[in-house]
Amino acid sequence: MRRLRVKLDTDAYYHVTSRCALKAFLLDEKARDMFVKMMRKAEKFSGVEIVTYCVMSNHFHILVKVPARREVPEEELRERIVTLYGDRKADFIFKHWEDLEEVGRQEDVVEEQDAFRNRMYDLSEFVKTLKQRYSLWYCSNHGDIEGTIWQSRFHSVLVENSQIALTAVSAYIDLNGVRANLVSDPRNYAWCGYGAALAGDKAARRGIALLYENSRPQYEKLAAYRDLLESKAGIGNPLVRNSEPAELTAREEAAKMAGKSNDVGATGKRSNGRGEPANKAGTDKQDEKAAEKRLALRVRNASLSRGVAFGSEEFVLGLIASSGGERSRTKALPFGLEGAELRTAGRRLAQA
């Protein structure tokens, strides 16, 4: 019996998780910093795009877009190898290819280059590259550890390519530090995509921008994402200890990012553009529904990490059917609270 795992040949998004062996707390601050650096190198080498991530002390989450495979010319291949391995090892690889060519073994060079290309645009190879290289670094810096530091296979959930599904999974990932009671605001957790984005990390900002339509300015995309993450629902939320109001509202944050201030009055409160408080009449129900969704994202949901798929009911049921749903014990489960529009394919086992 193995867990059902679904991978597509077209552009696709996956929520990837993996734990340290024996659930040990091996990732201190230095180790988490290094993990993020290696994750970015593996991202560039593999040709994937990281939307957001969260590195905890004993596990990690990554929402990653895996584009459809394309041909990688040799010049680009060499650049990616340098990014992943560094100049010294890359020079060794390139010299080895030159030596093979000098003795007429061009076919061996092509074979080795194709082996590198086959590791690109593939979810399993991306995660394998990241976990293996990180284990090597970790073990070399901790003399009492050998082999891998990770527990078994990684888990992946196929996420529907829709804004509602992708933003929900992204927010769930970035709220890990809040759910673990490490911070009251995800912006204060340095090892998640949202925290890195607000700290000025360009790669993290580009990732979050993937969640929204391209026509919107980046600062507006970040502001919209902040609206989903931080909320009045978080203040005094019993699920979040020591909850405090954020220093800036989403609109103020957007104005700050864009270097604008016309939407923020002298009092620091939101205004309607004329220096008057914005009219909130008729928004109570919308605020209540938004609060319910945000509250749902603050509750641990195993299906989001160890399920099969996440998205609309049509997407999830269609995927179950096309992946052998008749012989699996996987069902489309509602996600969130009242009137939830999203479904998860639960963490059931599928027959081998």
Protein backbone atom coordinates (compact mmCIF):
# COMPACT_ATOMS: atom_id res chain seq x y z
CA MET A 1 0.00 0.00 0.00
CA ARG A 2 1.38 3.39 -1.01
CA ARG A 3 -0.01 6.88 -0.94
CA LEU A 4 -1.50 8.00 -4.21
CA ARG A 5 0.76 10.63 -5.78
CA VAL A 6 -0.25 12.58 -8.86
CA LYS A 7 2.17 14.36 -11.22
CA LEU A 8 1.16 16.15 -14.40
CA ASP A 9 3.18 16.68 -17.60
CA THR A 10 1.80 20.21 -18.03
CA ASP A 11 2.34 23.28 -15.84
CA ALA A 12 1.26 22.27 -12.34
CA TYR A 13 1.42 23.42 -8.71
CA TYR A 14 2.29 21.16 -5.78
CA HIS A 15 2.33 21.56 -2.02
CA VAL A 16 5.41 19.63 -0.88
CA THR A 17 6.18 18.64 2.70
CA SER A 18 8.88 16.55 4.35
CA ARG A 19 9.93 15.88 7.94
CA CYS A 20 13.23 15.25 9.65
CA ALA A 21 13.93 11.63 10.62
CA LEU A 22 12.18 10.59 13.83
CA LYS A 23 10.56 14.05 13.79
CA ALA A 24 13.74 15.37 15.38
CA PHE A 25 14.17 19.13 15.74
CA LEU A 26 17.33 19.43 13.65
CA LEU A 27 16.77 22.75 11.92
CA ASP A 28 17.98 25.62 14.08
CA GLU A 29 18.17 29.17 12.75
CA LYS A 30 21.49 28.66 10.96
CA ALA A 31 20.24 25.42 9.42
CA ARG A 32 17.02 27.07 8.24
CA ASP A 33 19.00 29.90 6.64
CA MET A 34 21.08 27.36 4.75
CA PHE A 35 18.00 25.38 3.72
CA VAL A 36 16.48 28.49 2.11
CA LYS A 37 19.73 29.20 0.23
CA MET A 38 19.90 25.62 -1.06
CA MET A 39 16.22 25.69 -1.94
CA ARG A 40 16.80 28.72 -4.17
CA LYS A 41 19.76 27.03 -5.88
CA ALA A 42 17.73 23.87 -6.49
CA GLU A 43 14.91 26.05 -7.82
CA LYS A 44 17.15 27.70 -10.43
CA PHE A 45 18.79 24.43 -11.43
CA SER A 46 15.51 22.56 -11.77
CA GLY A 47 13.64 25.33 -13.61
CA VAL A 48 10.76 25.33 -11.14
CA GLU A 49 9.20 28.39 -9.48
CA ILE A 50 8.67 28.57 -5.72
CA VAL A 51 5.48 30.43 -4.83
CA THR A 52 6.03 30.37 -1.08
CA TYR A 53 7.54 28.18 1.63
CA CYS A 54 7.95 27.71 5.36
CA VAL A 55 10.88 26.03 7.08
CA MET A 56 10.18 24.86 10.61
CA SER A 57 12.52 23.22 13.09
CA ASN A 58 11.60 19.67 12.06
CA HIS A 59 9.88 19.92 8.67
CA PHE A 60 9.30 22.15 5.66
CA HIS A 61 6.50 23.20 3.32
CA ILE A 62 6.95 24.45 -0.25
CA LEU A 63 4.33 25.49 -2.80
CA VAL A 64 6.10 25.04 -6.12
CA LYS A 65 5.12 25.53 -9.74
CA VAL A 66 6.61 22.91 -12.06
CA PRO A 67 6.46 24.13 -15.69
CA ALA A 68 6.09 21.75 -18.59
CA ARG A 69 9.43 20.30 -19.69
CA ARG A 70 11.33 22.21 -22.36
CA GLU A 71 14.68 21.80 -24.10
CA VAL A 72 17.61 23.33 -22.20
CA PRO A 73 20.47 24.45 -24.48
CA GLU A 74 24.03 23.66 -23.40
CA GLU A 75 24.91 27.24 -22.42
CA GLU A 76 21.92 27.41 -20.07
CA LEU A 77 22.67 23.91 -18.79
CA ARG A 78 26.17 25.00 -17.79
CA GLU A 79 24.81 28.09 -16.01
CA ARG A 80 22.39 25.96 -14.01
CA ILE A 81 25.15 23.54 -13.04
CA VAL A 82 27.27 26.45 -11.77
CA THR A 83 24.29 27.75 -9.76
CA LEU A 84 23.71 24.41 -8.06
CA TYR A 85 27.26 23.14 -7.52
CA GLY A 86 29.40 26.27 -7.47
CA ASP A 87 32.37 27.17 -9.67
CA ARG A 88 34.80 24.56 -8.38
CA LYS A 89 32.71 21.45 -8.95
CA ALA A 90 31.22 22.90 -12.15
CA ASP A 91 34.72 23.41 -13.57
CA PHE A 92 35.52 19.79 -12.72
CA ILE A 93 32.41 18.62 -14.61
CA PHE A 94 33.16 20.80 -17.63
CA LYS A 95 36.82 19.68 -17.74
CA HIS A 96 35.64 16.07 -17.64
CA TRP A 97 33.44 16.73 -20.68
CA GLU A 98 36.35 18.34 -22.53
CA ASP A 99 38.54 15.31 -21.78
CA LEU A 100 35.87 12.96 -23.15
CA GLU A 101 35.52 15.03 -26.30
CA GLU A 102 39.29 14.99 -26.89
CA VAL A 103 39.30 11.20 -27.04
CA GLY A 104 36.25 11.04 -29.29
CA ARG A 105 33.66 10.10 -26.70
CA GLN A 106 31.13 12.79 -27.60
CA GLU A 107 28.25 10.37 -27.07
CA ASP A 108 29.23 10.03 -23.40
CA VAL A 109 29.17 13.82 -23.03
CA VAL A 110 25.67 13.95 -24.53
CA GLU A 111 24.54 11.17 -22.20
CA GLU A 112 25.83 12.97 -19.12
CA GLN A 113 24.32 16.27 -20.20
CA ASP A 114 20.96 14.59 -20.81
CA ALA A 115 21.16 13.08 -17.33
CA PHE A 116 21.35 16.62 -15.92
CA ARG A 117 18.48 17.77 -18.15
CA ASN A 118 16.31 14.88 -16.96
CA ARG A 119 16.57 16.27 -13.43
CA MET A 120 14.88 19.49 -14.55
CA TYR A 121 11.15 20.33 -14.71
CA ASP A 122 10.34 17.35 -12.51
CA LEU A 123 8.88 17.54 -9.01
CA SER A 124 10.56 14.42 -7.64
CA GLU A 125 13.97 15.41 -8.97
CA PHE A 126 13.66 18.93 -7.54
CA VAL A 127 12.84 17.62 -4.07
CA LYS A 128 15.50 14.90 -4.32
CA THR A 129 18.15 17.45 -5.31
CA LEU A 130 17.20 19.75 -2.43
CA LYS A 131 16.99 17.07 0.25
CA GLN A 132 20.12 15.21 -0.76
CA ARG A 133 22.30 18.29 -1.03
CA TYR A 134 20.97 19.65 2.25
CA SER A 135 21.64 16.32 4.00
CA LEU A 136 25.23 16.39 2.73
CA TRP A 137 25.73 19.89 4.09
CA TYR A 138 24.07 19.07 7.41
CA CYS A 139 26.04 15.88 7.99
CA SER A 140 29.34 17.55 7.08
CA ASN A 141 28.66 20.15 9.77
CA HIS A 142 27.52 17.62 12.40
CA GLY A 143 30.14 14.89 12.75
CA ASP A 144 27.84 12.53 14.66
CA ILE A 145 25.28 12.20 11.82
CA GLU A 146 25.53 10.08 8.67
CA GLY A 147 23.16 9.47 5.78
CA THR A 148 19.93 11.34 5.21
CA ILE A 149 18.32 13.49 7.89
CA TRP A 150 14.88 13.15 6.30
CA GLN A 151 12.07 10.77 7.14
CA SER A 152 11.00 8.53 4.22
CA ARG A 153 9.42 9.99 1.06
CA PHE A 154 8.20 13.52 0.68
CA HIS A 155 4.48 14.23 0.44
CA SER A 156 2.96 16.24 -2.40
CA VAL A 157 -0.54 17.58 -2.96
CA LEU A 158 -1.52 18.66 -6.47
CA VAL A 159 -3.10 22.12 -6.23
CA GLU A 160 -5.58 23.40 -8.80
CA ASN A 161 -4.27 26.28 -10.90
CA SER A 162 -6.84 28.79 -9.63
CA GLN A 163 -6.32 31.89 -7.51
CA ILE A 164 -8.67 30.74 -4.76
CA ALA A 165 -6.94 27.36 -4.36
CA LEU A 166 -3.38 28.67 -4.66
CA THR A 167 -3.87 31.57 -2.25
CA ALA A 168 -5.49 29.25 0.31
CA VAL A 169 -2.55 26.82 0.22
CA SER A 170 -0.01 29.66 0.24
CA ALA A 171 -1.64 31.28 3.25
CA TYR A 172 -1.83 27.92 5.02
CA ILE A 173 1.92 27.49 4.48
CA ASP A 174 2.87 31.01 5.57
CA LEU A 175 0.75 30.68 8.72
CA ASN A 176 2.77 27.74 10.02
CA GLY A 177 4.67 29.96 12.43
CA VAL A 178 1.37 31.31 13.75
CA ARG A 179 -0.16 27.86 14.20
CA ALA A 180 2.98 26.79 16.11
CA ASN A 181 2.62 29.84 18.38
CA LEU A 182 6.06 31.11 17.39
CA VAL A 183 4.76 34.47 16.15
CA SER A 184 1.44 36.27 16.19
CA ASP A 185 1.97 37.78 12.72
CA PRO A 186 3.48 35.71 9.87
CA ARG A 187 5.50 38.74 8.74
CA ASN A 188 7.68 38.19 11.81
CA TYR A 189 8.66 34.63 10.87
CA ALA A 190 11.87 34.95 8.85
CA TRP A 191 11.79 31.49 7.25
CA CYS A 192 8.54 31.75 5.32
CA GLY A 193 7.94 33.31 1.92
CA TYR A 194 5.70 36.06 3.27
CA GLY A 195 8.13 37.10 5.99
CA ALA A 196 10.99 37.11 3.48
CA ALA A 197 8.92 39.14 0.99
CA LEU A 198 8.19 41.88 3.52
CA ALA A 199 11.87 41.88 4.48
CA GLY A 200 12.68 42.77 0.86
CA ASP A 201 13.54 39.38 -0.65
CA LYS A 202 12.92 39.80 -4.39
CA ALA A 203 12.56 36.07 -5.08
CA ALA A 204 9.93 35.73 -2.33
CA ARG A 205 8.01 38.71 -3.70
CA ARG A 206 8.06 37.28 -7.22
CA GLY A 207 6.73 34.00 -5.88
CA ILE A 208 3.76 35.57 -4.10
CA ALA A 209 3.06 37.67 -7.18
CA LEU A 210 2.44 34.42 -9.10
CA LEU A 211 -0.81 34.09 -7.12
CA TYR A 212 -2.45 37.05 -8.82
CA GLU A 213 -3.08 38.29 -12.35
CA ASN A 214 -0.09 39.85 -14.07
CA SER A 215 -1.76 43.18 -14.78
CA ARG A 216 -1.73 44.21 -11.11
CA PRO A 217 1.35 45.97 -9.64
CA GLN A 218 3.42 43.82 -7.33
CA TYR A 219 2.72 45.96 -4.26
CA GLU A 220 -1.03 45.48 -4.79
CA LYS A 221 -0.57 41.71 -5.01
CA LEU A 222 1.36 41.69 -1.72
CA ALA A 223 -1.30 43.85 -0.11
CA ALA A 224 -4.06 41.50 -1.27
CA TYR A 225 -2.13 38.56 0.13
CA ARG A 226 -1.64 40.35 3.44
CA ASP A 227 -5.41 40.88 3.63
CA LEU A 228 -5.79 37.12 3.54
CA LEU A 229 -3.04 36.39 6.06
CA GLU A 230 -3.41 39.01 8.76
CA SER A 231 -6.85 39.92 9.95
CA LYS A 232 -9.09 41.16 12.67
CA ALA A 233 -10.01 37.48 13.05
CA GLY A 234 -6.48 36.87 14.26
CA ILE A 235 -6.75 39.44 17.06
CA GLY A 236 -7.91 37.63 20.13
CA ASN A 237 -8.24 34.39 18.20
CA PRO A 238 -8.07 31.58 20.80
CA LEU A 239 -6.12 29.49 18.28
CA VAL A 240 -3.35 32.09 18.25
CA ARG A 241 -1.72 32.91 21.56
CA ASN A 242 -0.54 36.46 22.21
CA SER A 243 -2.30 37.77 19.11
CA GLU A 244 -1.70 41.44 18.45
CA PRO A 245 -2.89 43.88 15.79
CA ALA A 246 -0.53 44.27 12.85
CA GLU A 247 1.41 47.52 12.80
CA LEU A 248 0.03 48.43 9.36
CA THR A 249 -3.21 47.63 7.59
CA ALA A 250 -2.96 45.96 4.21
CA ARG A 251 -3.62 49.23 2.37
CA GLU A 252 -1.05 51.08 4.45
CA GLU A 253 1.42 48.31 3.72
CA ALA A 254 0.70 48.66 0.01
CA ALA A 255 1.15 52.42 0.16
CA LYS A 256 4.44 51.96 1.95
CA MET A 257 5.70 49.48 -0.64
CA ALA A 258 4.73 51.79 -3.50
CA GLY A 259 6.04 54.90 -1.78
CA LYS A 260 2.55 56.39 -1.74
CA SER A 261 0.48 57.88 1.05
CA ASN A 262 -2.69 59.26 -0.55
CA ASP A 263 -4.84 56.43 0.85
CA VAL A 264 -3.67 56.93 4.42
CA GLY A 265 -4.91 59.88 6.42
CA ALA A 266 -2.98 61.88 8.97
CA THR A 267 -4.34 59.66 11.72
CA GLY A 268 -2.78 56.58 10.11
CA LYS A 269 -6.23 55.08 9.52
CA ARG A 270 -7.68 54.04 6.21
CA SER A 271 -9.45 56.86 4.39
CA ASN A 272 -11.72 57.21 1.39
CA GLY A 273 -9.21 59.42 -0.43
CA ARG A 274 -10.60 62.66 1.02
CA GLY A 275 -9.06 62.36 4.45
CA GLU A 276 -12.29 60.89 5.86
CA PRO A 277 -12.71 57.40 7.34
CA ALA A 278 -13.75 54.91 4.67
CA ASN A 279 -17.40 53.88 4.74
CA LYS A 280 -17.70 50.27 5.86
CA ALA A 281 -21.48 50.03 5.53
CA GLY A 282 -22.63 46.83 3.92
CA THR A 283 -19.33 45.02 4.42
CA ASP A 284 -20.09 43.24 7.69
CA LYS A 285 -21.12 39.99 6.01
CA GLN A 286 -18.11 40.05 3.70
CA ASP A 287 -15.83 40.64 6.67
CA GLU A 288 -17.47 37.78 8.54
CA LYS A 289 -17.01 35.36 5.63
CA ALA A 290 -13.41 36.48 5.15
CA ALA A 291 -12.79 35.98 8.87
CA GLU A 292 -14.19 32.44 8.66
CA LYS A 293 -11.84 31.59 5.79
CA ARG A 294 -8.86 33.05 7.60
CA LEU A 295 -9.79 31.14 10.74
CA ALA A 296 -9.91 27.91 8.70
CA LEU A 297 -6.39 28.59 7.46
CA ARG A 298 -5.18 28.88 11.06
CA VAL A 299 -6.28 25.33 11.90
CA ARG A 300 -4.01 22.40 11.06
CA ASN A 301 -5.43 20.30 8.23
CA ALA A 302 -3.57 17.08 7.44
CA SER A 303 -5.20 16.74 4.02
CA LEU A 304 -3.49 19.92 2.86
CA SER A 305 -0.11 18.33 3.56
CA ARG A 306 -0.67 14.63 3.00
CA GLY A 307 -3.65 14.45 0.71
CA VAL A 308 -3.75 13.91 -3.03
CA ALA A 309 -5.25 17.08 -4.46
CA PHE A 310 -6.73 20.42 -3.45
CA GLY A 311 -9.08 22.70 -5.38
CA SER A 312 -12.65 22.91 -6.62
CA GLU A 313 -14.95 19.92 -6.29
CA GLU A 314 -14.89 19.38 -10.06
CA PHE A 315 -11.08 19.41 -10.09
CA VAL A 316 -10.69 17.03 -7.16
CA LEU A 317 -13.33 14.53 -8.26
CA GLY A 318 -12.02 14.56 -11.83
CA LEU A 319 -8.50 13.89 -10.62
CA ILE A 320 -9.59 11.04 -8.36
CA ALA A 321 -11.44 9.42 -11.27
CA SER A 322 -8.50 9.77 -13.67
CA SER A 323 -6.04 8.42 -11.08
CA GLY A 324 -7.80 5.15 -10.37
CA GLY A 325 -10.45 6.43 -8.02
CA GLU A 326 -12.39 3.18 -8.19
CA ARG A 327 -9.59 1.28 -6.49
CA SER A 328 -8.53 4.05 -4.14
CA ARG A 329 -10.03 4.93 -0.81
CA THR A 330 -9.79 8.64 -1.50
CA LYS A 331 -12.75 10.98 -1.12
CA ALA A 332 -13.34 14.67 -1.79
CA LEU A 333 -13.59 16.29 1.62
CA PRO A 334 -14.88 19.83 2.28
CA PHE A 335 -12.25 22.36 3.32
CA GLY A 336 -12.80 25.24 5.69
CA LEU A 337 -15.97 26.33 7.41
CA GLU A 338 -19.48 27.25 6.34
CA GLY A 339 -20.05 27.29 2.58
CA ALA A 340 -16.52 26.19 1.73
CA GLU A 341 -15.93 26.24 -2.03
CA LEU A 342 -12.78 24.11 -1.91
CA ARG A 343 -12.25 20.39 -1.52
CA THR A 344 -9.34 18.18 -0.55
CA ALA A 345 -8.74 14.61 -1.61
CA GLY A 346 -8.06 13.16 1.81
CA ARG A 347 -5.00 11.38 3.10
CA ARG A 348 -6.31 7.90 2.38
CA LEU A 349 -4.10 5.17 0.99
CA ALA A 350 -4.41 3.94 -2.57
CA GLN A 351 -3.75 0.36 -3.48
CA ALA A 352 -0.39 -0.32 -5.12
